[in-house]
Protein backbone atom coordinates (compact mmCIF):
# COMPACT_ATOMS: atom_id res chain seq x y z
CA MET A 1 122.73 95.42 124.61
CA SER A 2 122.86 92.46 122.20
CA SER A 3 125.12 89.52 122.85
CA GLY A 4 126.03 89.03 119.19
CA GLY A 5 128.53 91.84 118.61
CA ALA A 6 132.26 91.35 119.17
CA GLU A 7 132.32 94.55 121.23
CA ASP A 8 129.98 92.96 123.73
CA ASP A 9 132.74 90.46 124.56
CA ILE A 10 134.92 93.29 125.83
CA PRO A 11 134.64 93.70 129.62
CA GLN A 12 133.08 96.98 130.68
CA GLY A 13 136.27 98.11 132.45
CA GLU A 14 138.43 97.57 129.36
CA ARG A 15 135.90 99.31 127.14
CA LYS A 16 136.02 102.32 129.49
CA THR A 17 139.83 102.27 129.30
CA VAL A 18 139.70 102.52 125.48
CA THR A 19 137.03 105.26 125.65
CA ASP A 20 139.06 107.28 128.17
CA PHE A 21 142.20 106.87 126.05
CA CYS A 22 140.39 108.08 122.91
CA TYR A 23 139.05 111.09 124.82
CA LEU A 24 142.51 112.02 126.12
CA LEU A 25 144.07 111.49 122.69
CA ASP A 26 141.49 113.69 120.93
CA LYS A 27 141.71 116.35 123.63
CA SER A 28 145.50 116.42 123.46
CA LYS A 29 145.49 116.82 119.65
CA GLN A 30 142.88 119.59 119.89
CA LEU A 31 144.90 121.51 122.49
CA PHE A 32 148.20 120.96 120.67
CA ASN A 33 146.78 122.26 117.39
CA GLY A 34 145.46 125.29 119.30
CA LEU A 35 149.01 126.25 120.26
CA ARG A 36 149.48 127.55 116.71
CA ASP A 37 146.78 130.17 117.31
CA LEU A 38 148.46 131.64 120.39
CA PRO A 39 150.32 134.93 119.85
CA GLN A 40 154.07 134.33 119.66
CA TYR A 41 154.80 137.50 121.61
CA GLY A 42 153.87 138.42 125.17
CA GLN A 43 154.97 136.39 128.18
CA LYS A 44 151.64 135.91 129.97
CA GLN A 45 148.87 135.05 127.50
CA TRP A 46 150.24 131.62 126.59
CA GLN A 47 150.96 130.22 130.05
CA SER A 48 147.53 128.96 131.08
CA TYR A 49 146.90 127.34 127.68
CA PHE A 50 150.32 125.66 127.71
CA GLY A 51 149.62 124.44 131.23
CA ARG A 52 146.32 122.83 130.21
CA THR A 53 147.92 121.22 127.15
CA PHE A 54 150.78 119.87 129.21
CA ASP A 55 148.44 118.48 131.87
CA VAL A 56 146.46 116.52 129.26
CA TYR A 57 149.63 115.11 127.67
CA THR A 58 150.98 114.13 131.09
CA LYS A 59 147.72 112.24 131.81
CA LEU A 60 147.77 110.66 128.34
CA TRP A 61 151.38 109.51 128.73
CA LYS A 62 150.77 107.96 132.16
CA PHE A 63 147.47 106.44 131.01
CA GLN A 64 149.02 104.57 128.08
CA GLN A 65 151.82 103.33 130.38
CA GLN A 66 149.35 102.02 132.98
CA HIS A 67 146.97 100.41 130.47
CA ARG A 68 149.38 99.36 127.69
CA GLN A 69 148.22 95.73 127.51
CA VAL A 70 144.51 96.61 127.26
CA LEU A 71 145.24 99.31 124.65
CA ASP A 72 147.39 96.87 122.65
CA ASN A 73 144.70 94.19 122.66
CA ARG A 74 141.50 96.24 122.43
CA TYR A 75 142.55 99.48 120.70
CA GLY A 76 145.37 98.16 118.54
CA LEU A 77 147.82 100.75 119.87
CA LYS A 78 150.93 100.84 117.67
CA ARG A 79 154.41 101.77 118.82
CA TRP A 80 154.61 104.71 116.41
CA GLN A 81 151.50 106.14 118.11
CA ILE A 82 153.29 106.04 121.46
CA GLY A 83 156.22 107.69 119.70
CA GLU A 84 153.92 110.45 118.45
CA ILE A 85 152.74 111.19 122.00
CA ALA A 86 156.34 111.29 123.26
CA SER A 87 157.33 113.50 120.32
CA LYS A 88 154.52 115.97 121.10
CA ILE A 89 155.67 116.15 124.75
CA GLY A 90 159.22 116.78 123.50
CA GLN A 91 157.87 119.59 121.30
CA LEU A 92 155.97 121.06 124.25
CA TYR A 93 159.15 121.15 126.35
CA TYR A 94 161.07 122.74 123.45
CA HIS A 95 158.41 125.43 123.08
CA TYR A 96 158.52 126.01 126.85
CA TYR A 97 162.24 126.70 126.36
CA LEU A 98 161.56 129.11 123.49
CA ARG A 99 158.96 130.95 125.57
CA THR A 100 160.95 131.07 128.83
CA SER A 101 164.65 130.71 127.81
CA GLU A 102 164.99 128.19 130.65
CA THR A 103 167.52 125.60 129.44
CA SER A 104 166.30 122.85 131.80
CA TYR A 105 163.30 122.45 129.47
CA LEU A 106 165.74 121.58 126.67
CA ASN A 107 167.02 118.71 128.82
CA GLU A 108 163.44 117.47 129.29
CA ALA A 109 162.81 117.63 125.52
CA PHE A 110 166.05 115.70 124.99
CA SER A 111 164.90 113.00 127.45
CA PHE A 112 161.66 112.35 125.55
CA TYR A 113 163.30 112.48 122.11
CA SER A 114 166.03 110.11 123.34
CA ALA A 115 163.45 107.67 124.67
CA ILE A 116 161.78 107.52 121.25
CA ARG A 117 165.09 106.56 119.66
CA GLN A 118 166.21 104.14 122.36
CA ARG A 119 162.85 102.32 122.43
CA SER A 120 162.56 102.31 118.62
CA TYR A 121 159.01 103.67 118.71
CA TYR A 122 159.19 104.61 115.03
CA SER A 123 160.97 101.46 113.83
CA GLN A 124 157.83 99.85 112.36
CA VAL A 125 156.81 102.92 110.36
CA SER A 126 158.83 101.77 107.35
CA LYS A 127 156.67 98.62 107.12
CA GLU A 128 153.49 100.61 106.63
CA ASP A 129 152.72 101.94 103.18
CA ARG A 130 151.92 105.43 104.43
CA PRO A 131 154.33 108.23 103.43
CA GLU A 132 152.76 110.66 105.92
CA LEU A 133 153.93 108.41 108.78
CA VAL A 134 157.48 108.43 107.44
CA VAL A 135 157.36 112.24 107.28
CA LYS A 136 156.38 112.28 110.97
CA LYS A 137 159.51 110.24 111.66
CA LEU A 138 161.71 112.57 109.58
CA ARG A 139 160.30 115.63 111.35
CA TYR A 140 161.01 113.99 114.69
CA TYR A 141 164.66 113.59 113.65
CA ALA A 142 164.89 117.25 112.56
CA ARG A 143 163.43 118.45 115.88
CA PHE A 144 165.70 116.16 117.89
CA ILE A 145 168.73 117.55 116.02
CA VAL A 146 167.74 121.16 116.89
CA VAL A 147 167.51 120.28 120.60
CA CYS A 148 170.88 118.49 120.50
CA LEU A 149 172.51 121.47 118.75
CA LEU A 150 171.21 123.80 121.44
CA LEU A 151 172.56 121.45 124.14
CA ASN A 152 175.93 121.13 122.32
CA LYS A 153 175.49 117.35 122.07
CA MET A 154 177.45 117.23 118.81
CA ASP A 155 178.25 113.51 119.00
CA VAL A 156 174.54 112.73 119.14
CA VAL A 157 173.89 115.20 116.31
CA LYS A 158 176.35 113.38 114.04
CA ASP A 159 174.69 110.02 114.77
CA LEU A 160 171.25 111.50 114.14
CA VAL A 161 172.36 113.03 110.84
CA LYS A 162 173.58 109.61 109.63
CA GLU A 163 170.29 108.00 110.65
CA LEU A 164 168.25 110.80 109.08
CA SER A 165 170.23 110.48 105.85
CA ASP A 166 169.44 106.75 105.67
CA GLU A 167 165.76 107.41 106.45
CA ILE A 168 165.53 110.07 103.71
CA GLU A 169 167.16 107.74 101.20
CA ASP A 170 164.72 104.95 102.07
CA TYR A 171 161.77 107.38 101.96
CA THR A 172 162.65 108.73 98.52
CA HIS A 173 163.20 105.22 97.11
CA ARG A 174 159.88 103.89 98.38
CA PHE A 175 157.67 106.88 97.64
CA ASN A 176 157.84 109.10 94.61
CA THR A 177 157.46 112.34 96.58
CA GLU A 178 157.96 115.97 95.74
CA ASP A 179 159.69 116.87 99.02
CA GLN A 180 162.92 114.92 98.34
CA VAL A 181 164.85 118.12 97.54
CA GLU A 182 163.61 119.78 100.73
CA TRP A 183 164.74 116.91 102.95
CA ASN A 184 168.14 116.77 101.27
CA LEU A 185 168.45 120.51 101.91
CA VAL A 186 167.75 119.85 105.62
CA LEU A 187 170.69 117.43 105.62
CA GLN A 188 172.97 119.92 103.88
CA GLU A 189 172.00 122.70 106.31
CA VAL A 190 172.68 120.71 109.46
CA ALA A 191 175.98 119.38 108.04
CA ALA A 192 177.11 122.95 107.33
CA PHE A 193 175.92 124.09 110.78
CA ILE A 194 178.05 121.44 112.51
CA GLU A 195 181.12 122.60 110.56
CA ALA A 196 180.57 126.33 111.25
CA ASP A 197 183.19 126.69 114.01
CA PRO A 198 186.48 127.73 112.36
CA VAL A 199 188.71 126.14 115.01
CA MET A 200 188.73 122.59 116.41
CA VAL A 201 189.80 121.84 119.98
CA LEU A 202 191.26 118.32 120.14
CA ASN A 203 191.84 115.75 122.87
CA ASP A 204 195.06 113.74 122.90
CA ASP A 205 193.32 110.99 120.90
CA ASN A 206 192.28 113.60 118.28
CA THR A 207 188.60 113.48 119.21
CA ILE A 208 186.94 116.89 119.14
CA VAL A 209 186.29 118.66 122.45
CA ILE A 210 182.80 120.13 122.65
CA THR A 211 183.04 123.60 124.14
CA SER A 212 180.01 125.37 125.59
CA ASN A 213 179.68 129.13 125.35
CA ARG A 214 176.87 129.70 127.83
CA LEU A 215 177.65 131.84 130.86
CA ALA A 216 179.36 129.58 133.39
CA GLU A 217 179.49 130.10 137.13
CA ALA A 218 181.77 133.12 137.74
CA GLY A 219 182.19 133.33 133.96
CA ALA A 220 181.79 137.10 133.92
CA PRO A 221 184.49 139.17 135.64
CA LEU A 222 183.44 139.85 139.23
CA LEU A 223 182.89 143.41 140.35
CA GLU A 224 185.48 144.87 142.69
CA GLN A 225 184.44 145.69 146.22
CA GLY A 226 182.94 149.16 146.33
CA MET A 227 182.72 149.51 142.55
CA ILE A 228 179.89 151.88 141.60
CA VAL A 229 177.85 150.46 138.71
CA GLY A 230 174.20 150.42 137.72
CA GLN A 231 171.78 147.87 139.14
CA LEU A 232 170.00 147.24 135.83
CA THR A 233 169.19 143.64 134.84
CA LEU A 234 168.97 142.26 131.32
CA ALA A 235 165.38 141.00 131.16
CA ASP A 236 164.48 140.72 127.48
CA ALA A 237 166.32 140.24 124.19
CA LEU A 238 165.34 140.24 120.54
CA ILE A 239 167.73 138.21 118.40
CA ILE A 240 167.18 139.03 114.75
CA GLY A 241 168.85 137.26 111.81
CA ASN A 242 168.80 138.02 108.10
CA CYS A 243 172.24 137.48 106.57
CA ASN A 244 172.21 136.30 102.96
CA ASN A 245 173.92 132.95 102.41
CA GLN A 246 174.83 132.46 106.09
CA VAL A 247 174.58 128.88 107.31
CA LYS A 248 171.27 128.24 109.05
CA PHE A 249 169.20 125.37 110.38
CA SER A 250 165.52 125.49 111.36
CA GLU A 251 165.21 129.28 111.09
CA LEU A 252 168.31 129.76 113.24
CA THR A 253 171.38 131.30 111.61
CA VAL A 254 174.85 130.65 113.03
CA ASP A 255 174.98 134.23 114.35
CA MET A 256 171.59 133.87 116.06
CA PHE A 257 172.66 130.52 117.53
CA ARG A 258 175.87 132.01 118.94
CA MET A 259 174.19 135.07 120.40
CA LEU A 260 171.37 133.14 122.09
CA GLN A 261 173.98 130.99 123.86
CA ALA A 262 175.86 134.12 124.96
CA LEU A 263 172.64 135.20 126.71
CA GLU A 264 172.07 131.95 128.64
CA ARG A 265 173.61 130.44 131.74
CA GLU A 266 174.99 126.95 131.92
CA PRO A 267 172.19 124.68 133.21
CA MET A 268 172.69 124.02 136.92
CA ASN A 269 171.41 121.15 138.99
CA LEU A 270 168.93 121.93 141.74
CA ALA A 271 171.40 121.33 144.59
CA SER A 272 173.87 123.93 143.35
CA GLN A 273 171.04 126.36 142.67
CA MET A 274 169.82 126.02 146.24
CA ASN A 275 173.30 126.73 147.56
CA LYS A 276 173.59 129.78 145.35
CA PRO A 277 171.99 132.62 147.40
CA GLY A 278 174.44 134.35 149.71
CA MET A 279 177.52 132.94 148.00
CA GLN A 280 177.77 135.73 145.45
CA GLU A 281 178.16 139.45 145.86
CA SER A 282 175.15 141.13 147.43
CA ALA A 283 174.04 142.62 144.11
CA ASP A 284 173.59 139.13 142.68
CA LYS A 285 170.19 138.15 144.09
CA PRO A 286 168.86 134.59 143.59
CA ALA A 287 166.24 135.86 141.12
CA ARG A 288 169.04 136.79 138.74
CA ARG A 289 169.79 133.14 138.21
CA GLU A 290 167.12 133.28 135.51
CA ASN A 291 168.07 133.71 131.88
CA PRO A 292 166.79 136.81 130.11
CA HIS A 293 163.71 136.11 128.04
CA LYS A 294 164.43 135.95 124.29
CA TYR A 295 162.60 136.22 120.99
CA LEU A 296 164.32 134.56 118.02
CA LEU A 297 163.24 136.31 114.82
CA TYR A 298 164.46 134.95 111.50
CA LYS A 299 163.80 137.33 108.59
CA PRO A 300 161.00 139.25 110.33
CA THR A 301 159.04 141.80 108.33
CA PHE A 302 159.06 145.33 109.69
CA SER A 303 155.54 144.91 111.12
CA GLN A 304 156.47 141.61 112.81
CA LEU A 305 159.62 143.12 114.29
CA TYR A 306 157.80 146.19 115.59
CA THR A 307 155.08 144.02 117.13
CA PHE A 308 157.63 141.95 119.06
CA LEU A 309 159.56 145.07 120.05
CA ALA A 310 156.41 146.72 121.37
CA ALA A 311 155.48 143.56 123.35
CA SER A 312 158.96 143.38 124.91
CA PHE A 313 158.91 147.08 125.70
CA LYS A 314 155.48 146.84 127.29
CA GLU A 315 156.38 143.91 129.55
CA LEU A 316 159.88 145.08 130.51
CA PRO A 317 160.04 145.17 134.34
CA ALA A 318 161.34 148.19 136.26
CA ASN A 319 165.15 148.58 136.36
CA SER A 320 165.49 146.21 133.43
CA VAL A 321 167.21 146.31 130.05
CA LEU A 322 165.97 145.39 126.58
CA LEU A 323 168.70 144.04 124.28
CA ILE A 324 168.31 144.13 120.50
CA TYR A 325 170.75 142.05 118.44
CA LEU A 326 170.72 142.60 114.68
CA SER A 327 172.65 140.32 112.35
CA ALA A 328 171.54 141.49 108.94
CA THR A 329 172.48 142.77 105.51
CA GLY A 330 173.19 146.50 105.32
CA VAL A 331 170.92 148.94 103.52
CA PHE A 332 172.77 152.03 102.38
CA PRO A 333 171.34 155.48 101.73
CA THR A 334 170.27 156.09 98.14
CA GLY A 335 171.83 159.28 96.87
CA ARG A 336 172.64 162.38 98.89
CA SER A 337 170.34 163.88 101.44
CA ASP A 338 170.20 167.52 102.48
CA SER A 339 169.48 166.49 106.06
CA GLU A 340 171.30 164.09 108.35
CA GLY A 341 168.44 162.67 110.34
CA PRO A 342 167.96 159.17 111.81
CA TYR A 343 166.52 157.91 108.50
CA ASP A 344 169.24 159.29 106.21
CA PHE A 345 172.07 156.84 106.94
CA GLY A 346 170.31 153.62 105.93
CA GLY A 347 170.12 150.72 108.35
CA VAL A 348 169.82 146.94 108.21
CA LEU A 349 167.48 144.76 106.17
CA THR A 350 165.49 142.42 108.43
CA ASN A 351 163.48 140.70 105.69
CA SER A 352 164.80 140.21 102.18
CA ASN A 353 162.49 137.53 100.76
CA ARG A 354 161.11 139.83 98.10
CA ASP A 355 164.43 141.43 97.28
CA ILE A 356 166.59 138.38 96.58
CA ILE A 357 166.84 136.67 93.21
CA ASN A 358 169.18 133.67 93.00
CA GLY A 359 170.86 134.74 96.21
CA ASP A 360 171.75 138.24 94.97
CA ALA A 361 170.37 141.38 96.58
CA ILE A 362 168.55 143.75 94.26
CA HIS A 363 169.79 147.26 94.94
CA LYS A 364 167.01 149.73 94.35
CA ARG A 365 169.33 152.65 93.74
CA ASN A 366 167.09 154.30 91.17
CA GLN A 367 163.99 154.29 93.32
CA THR A 368 163.19 157.28 95.45
CA HIS A 369 161.33 155.40 98.19
CA LYS A 370 163.19 153.72 101.04
CA GLU A 371 163.32 149.96 101.60
CA MET A 372 160.23 148.94 103.62
CA HIS A 373 161.91 146.26 105.76
CA CYS A 374 164.98 148.33 106.60
CA LEU A 375 165.32 149.02 110.31
CA HIS A 376 166.69 152.55 110.64
CA PRO A 377 168.18 153.98 113.84
CA GLY A 378 165.15 156.29 114.01
CA ASP A 379 162.84 153.26 114.17
CA LEU A 380 164.27 152.45 117.60
CA TYR A 381 163.94 155.96 119.05
CA PRO A 382 160.54 155.31 120.71
CA PHE A 383 162.05 152.37 122.62
CA THR A 384 164.86 154.48 124.12
CA ARG A 385 162.33 155.54 126.77
CA LYS A 386 163.67 152.53 128.69
CA PRO A 387 167.26 151.22 129.02
CA LEU A 388 168.33 149.84 125.64
CA PHE A 389 171.41 147.81 124.68
CA ILE A 390 171.87 147.37 120.92
CA ILE A 391 174.30 145.12 119.03
CA VAL A 392 174.47 145.57 115.26
CA ASP A 393 176.45 143.08 113.15
CA SER A 394 176.11 144.38 109.60
CA SER A 395 177.92 145.93 106.65
CA ASN A 396 176.10 149.17 107.56
CA SER A 397 176.40 148.99 111.34
CA VAL A 398 177.82 152.54 111.35
CA ALA A 399 174.34 153.89 110.58
CA TYR A 400 173.72 153.37 114.31
CA LYS A 401 176.60 155.67 115.24
CA ASN A 402 174.21 158.49 114.44
CA PHE A 403 171.92 157.70 117.33
CA THR A 404 170.47 160.38 119.56
CA ASN A 405 169.53 159.68 123.16
CA LEU A 406 166.28 161.62 123.37
CA PHE A 407 165.05 160.41 126.76
CA GLY A 408 168.20 160.31 128.89
CA GLN A 409 167.86 156.59 129.63
CA PRO A 410 170.97 154.34 129.47
CA LEU A 411 171.70 153.54 125.81
CA VAL A 412 174.67 151.71 124.26
CA CYS A 413 175.25 150.42 120.73
CA LEU A 414 178.02 147.91 119.94
CA LEU A 415 178.73 148.07 116.21
CA SER A 416 180.60 145.54 114.08
CA PRO A 417 183.26 146.38 111.51
CA THR A 418 181.58 147.22 108.22
CA THR A 419 184.12 145.24 106.23
CA TYR A 420 186.85 142.69 106.94
CA PRO A 421 190.26 142.16 105.34
CA LYS A 422 189.94 140.11 102.16
CA ALA A 423 191.73 137.16 103.73
CA LEU A 424 188.79 136.72 106.13
CA GLN A 425 185.81 137.63 103.97
CA ASP A 426 185.27 134.16 102.52
CA GLN A 427 184.36 132.93 106.03
CA SER A 428 181.17 134.99 106.27
CA GLN A 429 178.95 131.98 105.43
CA ARG A 430 180.09 130.35 108.66
CA GLY A 431 179.03 133.31 110.78
CA SER A 432 180.31 136.78 111.49
CA LEU A 433 183.71 137.26 113.12
CA PHE A 434 182.33 140.05 115.32
CA THR A 435 179.58 137.85 116.77
CA LEU A 436 182.11 135.02 117.22
CA PHE A 437 184.22 137.38 119.38
CA LEU A 438 181.15 138.15 121.52
CA ASN A 439 180.30 134.43 121.84
CA ASN A 440 183.69 132.68 121.94
CA PRO A 441 186.52 135.24 122.02
CA LEU A 442 189.33 132.69 122.20
CA MET A 443 188.11 130.84 119.11
CA ALA A 444 187.85 134.17 117.26
CA PHE A 445 191.38 135.12 118.38
CA LEU A 446 192.75 131.78 117.13
CA PHE A 447 190.96 132.23 113.82
CA VAL A 448 192.38 135.71 113.12
CA SER A 449 195.78 134.32 114.13
CA GLY A 450 195.57 131.71 111.38
CA LEU A 451 195.09 128.68 113.66
CA SER A 452 192.50 126.02 112.82
CA SER A 453 193.06 123.46 115.60
CA MET A 454 194.47 123.30 119.10
CA ARG A 455 195.14 120.78 121.86
CA ARG A 456 192.83 120.84 124.85
CA GLY A 457 195.57 121.59 127.39
CA LEU A 458 196.72 124.71 125.55
CA TRP A 459 193.11 125.79 124.97
CA GLU A 460 192.40 125.63 128.72
CA LYS A 461 195.60 127.53 129.51
CA CYS A 462 194.60 130.28 127.08
CA GLN A 463 191.05 130.39 128.46
CA GLU A 464 192.47 130.96 131.94
CA TYR A 465 194.64 133.80 130.63
CA LEU A 466 191.66 135.28 128.79
CA ARG A 467 189.71 135.36 132.05
CA LYS A 468 192.55 137.46 133.51
CA ILE A 469 192.35 139.78 130.47
CA ASN A 470 188.60 140.14 131.00
CA ARG A 471 189.12 141.06 134.65
CA ASP A 472 191.63 143.73 133.63
CA ILE A 473 189.31 145.09 130.92
CA ALA A 474 186.54 145.36 133.52
CA GLN A 475 188.88 147.45 135.69
CA LEU A 476 189.86 149.64 132.73
CA LEU A 477 186.20 150.42 132.06
CA THR A 478 185.21 151.10 135.66
CA HIS A 479 188.34 153.12 136.46
CA SER A 480 188.12 155.28 133.33
CA ARG A 481 187.56 158.96 134.11
CA SER A 482 186.14 159.90 130.72
CA ILE A 483 183.91 156.91 129.92
CA ASP A 484 180.23 157.64 129.23
CA GLN A 485 178.17 156.62 132.26
CA ALA A 486 175.81 154.56 130.04
CA PHE A 487 178.44 151.79 129.88
CA LEU A 488 178.67 151.65 133.67
CA GLN A 489 174.87 151.69 134.01
CA PHE A 490 174.82 148.31 132.20
CA PHE A 491 177.90 146.93 133.96
CA GLY A 492 176.01 145.51 136.94
CA ASP A 493 174.45 142.78 134.78
CA GLU A 494 176.65 139.71 134.25
CA PHE A 495 175.63 139.12 130.63
CA LEU A 496 176.11 142.74 129.57
CA ARG A 497 179.38 143.00 131.52
CA LEU A 498 180.75 140.00 129.66
CA LEU A 499 179.57 141.35 126.29
CA LEU A 500 181.23 144.71 126.98
CA THR A 501 184.56 143.19 128.05
CA ARG A 502 184.54 140.84 125.05
CA PHE A 503 183.80 143.80 122.77
CA VAL A 504 186.84 145.68 124.10
CA PHE A 505 189.01 142.57 123.64
CA CYS A 506 187.70 142.20 120.06
CA SER A 507 188.38 145.85 119.21
CA ALA A 508 191.86 145.84 120.77
CA THR A 509 192.79 142.61 118.95
CA MET A 510 191.71 143.96 115.56
CA ARG A 511 193.52 147.27 116.10
CA MET A 512 196.77 145.42 116.85
CA HIS A 513 196.43 142.89 114.03
CA LYS A 514 198.63 143.50 110.98
CA ILE A 515 195.95 142.81 108.35
CA PHE A 516 193.23 144.96 109.96
CA ARG A 517 194.53 148.28 108.66
CA GLU A 518 191.44 150.30 107.69
CA THR A 519 189.26 152.10 110.21
CA ARG A 520 186.19 150.30 108.79
CA ASN A 521 187.86 147.03 109.89
CA TYR A 522 187.32 148.03 113.52
CA PRO A 523 184.19 147.81 115.65
CA GLU A 524 182.76 151.03 117.09
CA THR A 525 180.37 152.10 119.81
CA TYR A 526 177.72 154.68 120.54
CA PRO A 527 178.56 156.57 122.72
CA GLN A 528 182.26 156.42 121.86
CA LEU A 529 184.62 154.68 124.24
CA PRO A 530 187.74 156.62 125.28
CA ARG A 531 190.23 154.72 123.11
CA ASP A 532 193.42 155.48 125.04
CA GLU A 533 191.82 154.17 128.25
CA THR A 534 190.20 151.07 126.72
CA VAL A 535 190.74 149.56 123.25
CA GLU A 536 194.17 151.16 122.77
CA ASN A 537 195.33 150.91 126.37
CA PRO A 538 199.03 149.85 126.52
CA HIS A 539 198.36 147.50 129.46
CA LEU A 540 195.69 145.65 127.45
CA GLN A 541 197.93 145.57 124.35
CA LYS A 542 200.65 143.93 126.43
CA HIS A 543 198.18 141.24 127.53
CA ILE A 544 197.16 140.53 123.92
CA LEU A 545 200.78 140.15 122.88
CA GLU A 546 201.33 137.79 125.80
CA LEU A 547 198.33 135.66 124.69
CA ALA A 548 199.78 135.67 121.16
CA SER A 549 203.13 134.51 122.58
CA ILE A 550 201.49 131.58 124.38
CA LEU A 551 200.06 130.57 120.98
CA ASP A 552 203.29 131.36 119.11
CA VAL A 553 201.50 133.80 116.80
CA ARG A 554 203.03 137.07 118.01
CA ASN A 555 204.25 137.78 114.48
CA VAL A 556 200.70 138.57 113.23
CA PHE A 557 200.41 141.53 115.66
CA PHE A 558 202.17 144.89 115.80
CA GLU A 559 204.53 145.19 118.76
CA ASN A 560 204.38 148.96 119.24
CA THR A 561 200.79 149.52 118.24
CA ILE A 562 200.37 153.08 119.41
CA ASP A 563 203.39 154.18 117.40
CA ASP A 564 201.89 152.63 114.27
CA TYR A 565 198.88 154.96 114.16
């Protein structure tokens, strides 16, 4: 080794530190890039690869912390490079959440993204004349915003949006780039997403109360002692979104966002989790603390959707339920058909990229072939070999009324109204009213009652009353003598129990409301619920009028509803 080179002045130990860092950095990038090649479906194949990737990033993060001074002096480590490592770890945690539906991983992603902001890791990027570095910073902001939205940290979201707006403005002034329009669209999308809720809950100082709609402890009505219901557990869910012009952010429509939160529990700390077993009813085993696994599919093609469905079906454990949620544009039958089979009533369009010009759907009424990306009721028949719970929010949801249970397994479809009164139709961009009822029934009730804001104290009073209504609805369903047993088969699961009781509340509210006068304004089910014992039950109607009285909106509902039919 010659003594002339500058490298020879570096002590052997420090040189090894730089070499080890470069190895870990290259290995981490290689593994991270390999994540893109993993199949998005299936719950097992990805775990070992994710584990290896995470291990390398953990070592890399600790290594740069322990040897920061050497890396600063000998490698020239910049703060934005540390930020990049932290950002990748945040992305890993976020993808863990997407793969497992475990909300604690969102909190970990938030911690790393927050650290980047608090320690200003990206602050020096603007001094370097490299637009690709600025784009890394902008993407970090977009990812951080998604995590904050999912954690309902709306105050942080608003701060991040302001910062992102300033960064985009600076970026477009400094570099003559072609992606200016795209970044401005990102800003518009997140701004619209924040404003999607139709009702504001206000503190006394007029600040907005952030309400969470995940399943809270004892959030679902408890089962009565001795109540006979199925022991099925919701294990897997496909949440599919393709509504034209609906507000979205990062391939997540408002409807998808609301439904995914309706299928998650409030994050609990470890201490309360450890105290959990034995405190609940015997049917509620500790293992059921887990959230059901979810796939979020935005505008999937038919082949993509069927691939994910098949993967979920294959991996569904014994005594478990697969839930399919469809929020999509309706596809109606073209012309008359001599038969009335499962492909003759149309369905919902899951991918419309090729069929939309300037935001308008192209109706292929003159063509004899059916729409390729339409999901017909018949397409789901093979999957009814196992318990299936379907929610369809669409202008052609009634196509799924014509289901046939071929295999005798529990099967329920909750179907949205196919049209809404004109006074409400202009709100469709901000999400469907039906899905809002399933996610946040009180907010939906306030909205149809014409209220746009409410004080926190009254909100909490109404929430307490709504919990009583839910308990009574649960009793109506389990005490009914003519209800189809499929509903009760699903009633042992907390998530499905809450969805069913909220559905009944939604249907009863709409049937009593003065502007919901057409039958297509009402949600329906397959199999049919006994109306007189559930959605038109006088006891439930009395409760709804009482809730309306608390809110001073009784005038928008019929008093003697049964007499009005």
